[in-house]
Amino acid sequence: MMRNLQILLVLLLLPVIALAQTKVNASEIIAKINRGEAVSYKNAEIVGDLDMTRLKNMKLKNQKSDSKYNSKEYISTVTAPLNFVNCTFKGNVMAYFNPDNGANMLNSSNEVYNTNFTREVNFENCIFERESAFKYSEFEGGASFAGSRFSDEALFKYSKFRGAINFNNARFRGDANFKYVTFPVKVSFAGATFGGEANFKYAKFDEGVNFQKAVFDGTANFKYAKISDSFNIRGANFKGGDDFKYTKLNNRQVSLTTLLEMSR
């Protein structure tokens, strides 16, 4: 009888055990990346900053000198696939770092550290509790952040995507910064929620974009954006302000009102 009760208790606890997240130090992941190993974690809690800006293969890309400044750009490269599913990042996730942010110009270092990705990058149903910075990053393979939650600003300004791109059902609590980003293939933000500014100013969508049933609680900024093919905002909810000044769809200037009518 006692043995049966023990077995029953274990069976009842199995769902709790399955949902528990294993703690992983960010330094362990960086070590794998430096060894060129594929990174794959599921139901893990990543502790510490996942700083990919100073990998062992970091190289000085550009150095510009003039009479006032001597600027340096360093590039690190992640050469193996990254796959995170249902993971929580307790620290910052950094593929971009500028030591001069918030610094006095007199004490600036004029350095910037960027990270590129040559293989697939997958952050599915993950939680970014702090900063996530992918500014200037180049994604050679596919990139998916589907179902992920960004607690702070999601910084993708100037990022370059070349493969399939998926932000379906992503939730941006702060600003979502995709300013100056060119999307060469169709990208989907279907079901996404933008709590802060959705900044797509000067963005280019070469094969269309899907914002079906997306929710814009903050400003939807598509000023100067250029969209080719289709702009699907069917069922989208624009609760905050919007800026569609100089926005073009297939080389024709459009407004939010026009786009909503087209999506009916």
Protein backbone atom coordinates (compact mmCIF):
# COMPACT_ATOMS: atom_id res chain seq x y z
CA MET A 1 0.00 0.00 0.00
CA MET A 2 2.80 2.41 0.95
CA ARG A 3 4.62 1.66 -2.32
CA ASN A 4 1.49 2.45 -4.31
CA LEU A 5 1.17 5.78 -2.51
CA GLN A 6 4.80 6.62 -3.31
CA ILE A 7 4.28 5.83 -6.99
CA LEU A 8 1.13 7.97 -7.04
CA LEU A 9 3.00 10.88 -5.42
CA VAL A 10 5.77 10.69 -8.03
CA LEU A 11 3.22 10.67 -10.86
CA LEU A 12 1.49 13.73 -9.40
CA LEU A 13 4.80 15.59 -9.15
CA LEU A 14 5.93 14.81 -12.72
CA PRO A 15 4.14 17.81 -14.31
CA VAL A 16 5.74 20.13 -11.73
CA ILE A 17 9.18 18.65 -12.39
CA ALA A 18 8.66 18.96 -16.14
CA LEU A 19 7.77 22.65 -15.83
CA ALA A 20 10.70 23.51 -13.56
CA GLN A 21 13.51 25.41 -15.25
CA THR A 22 17.08 24.21 -15.01
CA LYS A 23 19.52 26.98 -14.09
CA VAL A 24 22.36 27.53 -16.54
CA ASN A 25 25.18 30.06 -16.19
CA ALA A 26 25.51 32.37 -19.17
CA SER A 27 29.28 31.76 -19.04
CA GLU A 28 28.65 28.09 -19.89
CA ILE A 29 26.81 29.13 -23.05
CA ILE A 30 29.56 31.57 -24.05
CA ALA A 31 32.10 28.77 -23.62
CA LYS A 32 30.13 26.59 -26.05
CA ILE A 33 29.88 29.43 -28.56
CA ASN A 34 33.65 30.01 -28.33
CA ARG A 35 34.19 26.30 -29.07
CA GLY A 36 31.94 26.54 -32.13
CA GLU A 37 29.40 24.13 -30.63
CA ALA A 38 25.67 24.24 -31.36
CA VAL A 39 23.75 25.72 -28.42
CA SER A 40 20.38 24.21 -27.52
CA TYR A 41 18.43 24.70 -24.27
CA LYS A 42 14.82 24.06 -23.34
CA ASN A 43 13.04 25.09 -20.14
CA ALA A 44 16.20 26.71 -18.79
CA GLU A 45 16.82 29.77 -16.64
CA ILE A 46 19.89 31.59 -17.94
CA VAL A 47 21.69 33.31 -15.06
CA GLY A 48 24.03 36.25 -15.68
CA ASP A 49 24.55 38.41 -18.77
CA LEU A 50 24.70 36.52 -22.06
CA ASP A 51 27.31 38.84 -23.54
CA MET A 52 28.26 37.73 -27.07
CA THR A 53 30.16 40.91 -27.93
CA ARG A 54 33.62 39.76 -26.88
CA LEU A 55 34.02 36.27 -28.25
CA LYS A 56 37.41 34.68 -28.86
CA ASN A 57 37.10 35.33 -32.60
CA MET A 58 36.49 39.05 -32.10
CA LYS A 59 38.18 41.15 -34.76
CA LEU A 60 38.70 44.83 -35.38
CA LYS A 61 36.58 45.61 -38.43
CA ASN A 62 36.92 49.33 -38.91
CA GLN A 63 39.13 52.01 -37.48
CA LYS A 64 38.49 55.58 -38.54
CA SER A 65 40.84 58.37 -37.65
CA ASP A 66 40.40 62.10 -38.03
CA SER A 67 41.45 65.22 -36.18
CA LYS A 68 38.86 64.75 -33.42
CA TYR A 69 38.05 61.07 -32.99
CA ASN A 70 39.61 57.63 -33.35
CA SER A 71 36.71 55.18 -33.54
CA LYS A 72 36.94 51.39 -33.51
CA GLU A 73 34.36 48.74 -34.40
CA TYR A 74 34.87 45.19 -33.13
CA ILE A 75 32.96 42.21 -34.57
CA SER A 76 32.36 38.86 -32.88
CA THR A 77 30.79 35.99 -34.83
CA VAL A 78 28.55 33.19 -33.58
CA THR A 79 29.32 30.36 -36.01
CA ALA A 80 26.96 27.65 -34.68
CA PRO A 81 23.15 27.53 -34.35
CA LEU A 82 21.48 28.99 -31.26
CA ASN A 83 18.27 27.35 -30.08
CA PHE A 84 16.44 28.45 -26.92
CA VAL A 85 12.90 27.22 -26.19
CA ASN A 86 10.87 28.30 -23.15
CA CYS A 87 13.94 29.86 -21.56
CA THR A 88 14.14 32.81 -19.17
CA PHE A 89 17.08 35.19 -19.43
CA LYS A 90 17.66 36.77 -16.04
CA GLY A 91 20.45 39.08 -17.22
CA ASN A 92 21.08 41.13 -20.34
CA VAL A 93 21.28 39.46 -23.76
CA MET A 94 23.89 41.42 -25.67
CA ALA A 95 24.93 41.23 -29.30
CA TYR A 96 25.73 44.95 -29.26
CA PHE A 97 27.57 47.05 -26.72
CA ASN A 98 28.67 50.66 -26.75
CA PRO A 99 30.72 51.62 -23.67
CA ASP A 100 30.00 55.29 -24.37
CA ASN A 101 26.24 55.03 -23.85
CA GLY A 102 25.46 57.48 -21.08
CA ALA A 103 29.11 58.50 -20.75
CA ASN A 104 30.56 61.98 -20.82
CA MET A 105 31.93 62.73 -24.31
CA LEU A 106 35.20 63.87 -22.78
CA ASN A 107 35.72 60.36 -21.41
CA SER A 108 34.37 58.42 -24.40
CA SER A 109 36.26 55.42 -25.74
CA ASN A 110 34.84 55.68 -29.30
CA GLU A 111 34.47 51.91 -29.44
CA VAL A 112 31.53 49.71 -30.37
CA TYR A 113 31.17 45.93 -30.11
CA ASN A 114 28.83 44.06 -32.49
CA THR A 115 27.92 40.40 -32.99
CA ASN A 116 26.97 38.59 -36.21
CA PHE A 117 25.29 35.18 -36.59
CA THR A 118 26.14 32.85 -39.48
CA ARG A 119 23.63 30.10 -38.56
CA GLU A 120 20.03 29.90 -37.37
CA VAL A 121 19.01 31.87 -34.28
CA ASN A 122 15.93 30.70 -32.41
CA PHE A 123 14.47 32.24 -29.24
CA GLU A 124 11.03 30.61 -29.06
CA ASN A 125 8.65 31.44 -26.20
CA CYS A 126 11.50 32.95 -24.19
CA ILE A 127 11.43 35.71 -21.57
CA PHE A 128 13.97 38.54 -21.69
CA GLU A 129 13.77 40.07 -18.23
CA ARG A 130 16.37 42.76 -18.90
CA GLU A 131 17.98 44.35 -21.97
CA SER A 132 18.13 42.62 -25.34
CA ALA A 133 20.42 44.34 -27.84
CA PHE A 134 20.94 43.14 -31.42
CA LYS A 135 21.72 46.52 -32.95
CA TYR A 136 23.76 46.22 -36.18
CA SER A 137 23.73 42.40 -35.95
CA GLU A 138 23.72 40.42 -39.19
CA PHE A 139 21.62 37.24 -39.28
CA GLU A 140 22.80 35.02 -42.13
CA GLY A 141 20.40 32.17 -41.29
CA GLY A 142 16.80 32.23 -40.15
CA ALA A 143 15.84 34.17 -37.04
CA SER A 144 12.82 33.47 -34.83
CA PHE A 145 11.66 35.24 -31.68
CA ALA A 146 8.14 33.83 -31.90
CA GLY A 147 6.14 33.97 -28.69
CA SER A 148 8.94 35.65 -26.75
CA ARG A 149 8.46 38.41 -24.18
CA PHE A 150 10.71 41.46 -24.03
CA SER A 151 10.52 43.26 -20.68
CA ASP A 152 12.86 46.09 -21.70
CA GLU A 153 13.53 47.71 -25.07
CA ALA A 154 14.01 45.19 -27.89
CA LEU A 155 16.86 46.82 -29.80
CA PHE A 156 17.15 45.65 -33.43
CA LYS A 157 18.03 49.01 -34.97
CA TYR A 158 20.13 48.62 -38.17
CA SER A 159 20.01 44.81 -37.90
CA LYS A 160 20.34 42.87 -41.15
CA PHE A 161 18.25 39.77 -41.80
CA ARG A 162 18.81 37.43 -44.72
CA GLY A 163 16.77 34.31 -43.92
CA ALA A 164 13.24 33.63 -42.68
CA ILE A 165 12.12 35.99 -39.89
CA ASN A 166 9.42 35.25 -37.32
CA PHE A 167 8.11 37.50 -34.52
CA ASN A 168 4.65 35.93 -34.31
CA ASN A 169 2.93 36.50 -30.96
CA ALA A 170 5.96 38.31 -29.54
CA ARG A 171 5.18 40.68 -26.67
CA PHE A 172 7.13 43.91 -26.36
CA ARG A 173 6.57 45.58 -23.01
CA GLY A 174 8.95 48.45 -23.81
CA ASP A 175 9.89 49.92 -27.19
CA ALA A 176 10.42 47.64 -30.18
CA ASN A 177 13.15 49.34 -32.18
CA PHE A 178 13.43 48.17 -35.80
CA LYS A 179 14.45 51.53 -37.19
CA TYR A 180 16.40 51.35 -40.49
CA VAL A 181 15.99 47.56 -40.71
CA THR A 182 15.64 45.99 -44.16
CA PHE A 183 13.63 42.76 -44.26
CA PRO A 184 14.59 40.99 -47.52
CA VAL A 185 11.98 38.25 -47.13
CA LYS A 186 8.43 38.40 -45.78
CA VAL A 187 8.41 38.89 -42.02
CA SER A 188 5.55 38.13 -39.64
CA PHE A 189 4.54 39.99 -36.49
CA ALA A 190 1.09 38.36 -36.49
CA GLY A 191 -0.49 38.47 -33.03
CA ALA A 192 2.36 40.55 -31.59
CA THR A 193 1.71 43.08 -28.82
CA PHE A 194 3.61 46.37 -28.73
CA GLY A 195 3.43 47.99 -25.30
CA GLY A 196 5.75 50.89 -26.14
CA GLU A 197 6.65 52.48 -29.46
CA ALA A 198 6.72 50.13 -32.44
CA ASN A 199 9.49 51.89 -34.31
CA PHE A 200 9.71 50.87 -37.97
CA LYS A 201 10.83 54.29 -39.17
CA TYR A 202 12.78 54.00 -42.45
CA ALA A 203 12.30 50.21 -42.41
CA LYS A 204 12.04 48.35 -45.72
CA PHE A 205 9.89 45.27 -46.28
CA ASP A 206 11.01 43.87 -49.63
CA GLU A 207 8.49 40.99 -49.75
CA GLY A 208 5.74 42.25 -47.48
CA VAL A 209 4.90 42.06 -43.78
CA ASN A 210 2.15 40.48 -41.68
CA PHE A 211 0.77 42.39 -38.66
CA GLN A 212 -2.52 40.50 -38.60
CA LYS A 213 -4.23 40.80 -35.18
CA ALA A 214 -1.24 42.70 -33.75
CA VAL A 215 -1.95 45.15 -30.92
CA PHE A 216 -0.25 48.56 -30.84
CA ASP A 217 -0.66 50.04 -27.36
CA GLY A 218 2.03 52.64 -28.04
CA THR A 219 2.84 54.68 -31.14
CA ALA A 220 2.94 52.75 -34.42
CA ASN A 221 5.78 54.56 -36.18
CA PHE A 222 6.09 53.70 -39.88
CA LYS A 223 7.32 57.09 -41.03
CA TYR A 224 9.29 56.76 -44.30
CA ALA A 225 8.80 52.96 -44.27
CA LYS A 226 8.71 51.26 -47.67
CA ILE A 227 6.68 48.10 -48.19
CA SER A 228 6.62 45.96 -51.32
CA ASP A 229 4.02 43.30 -52.07
CA SER A 230 1.59 43.29 -49.11
CA PHE A 231 0.99 45.00 -45.76
CA ASN A 232 -1.42 42.82 -43.80
CA ILE A 233 -2.97 44.61 -40.80
CA ARG A 234 -6.26 42.72 -40.87
CA GLY A 235 -7.69 42.63 -37.33
CA ALA A 236 -4.85 44.76 -35.92
CA ASN A 237 -5.68 47.15 -33.09
CA PHE A 238 -4.07 50.59 -33.05
CA LYS A 239 -4.70 51.90 -29.52
CA GLY A 240 -1.87 54.44 -29.35
CA GLY A 241 -0.82 57.13 -31.77
CA ASP A 242 0.47 56.46 -35.28
CA ASP A 243 2.82 58.04 -37.76
CA PHE A 244 2.49 56.92 -41.39
CA LYS A 245 3.91 60.10 -42.86
CA TYR A 246 5.66 59.34 -46.18
CA THR A 247 4.94 55.60 -45.79
CA LYS A 248 4.85 53.86 -49.18
CA LEU A 249 3.23 50.60 -50.26
CA ASN A 250 4.38 49.46 -53.70
CA ASN A 251 5.70 52.98 -54.37
CA ARG A 252 2.36 54.63 -53.51
CA GLN A 253 2.01 56.82 -50.46
CA VAL A 254 -0.50 55.41 -47.96
CA SER A 255 -2.07 56.31 -44.63
CA LEU A 256 -3.25 54.12 -41.79
CA THR A 257 -6.84 54.76 -42.85
CA THR A 258 -6.07 53.57 -46.38
CA LEU A 259 -4.29 50.46 -45.13
CA LEU A 260 -7.14 49.55 -42.80
CA GLU A 261 -9.61 49.87 -45.66
CA MET A 262 -7.43 47.68 -47.88
CA SER A 263 -7.26 45.01 -45.17
CA ARG A 264 -11.06 44.66 -44.81
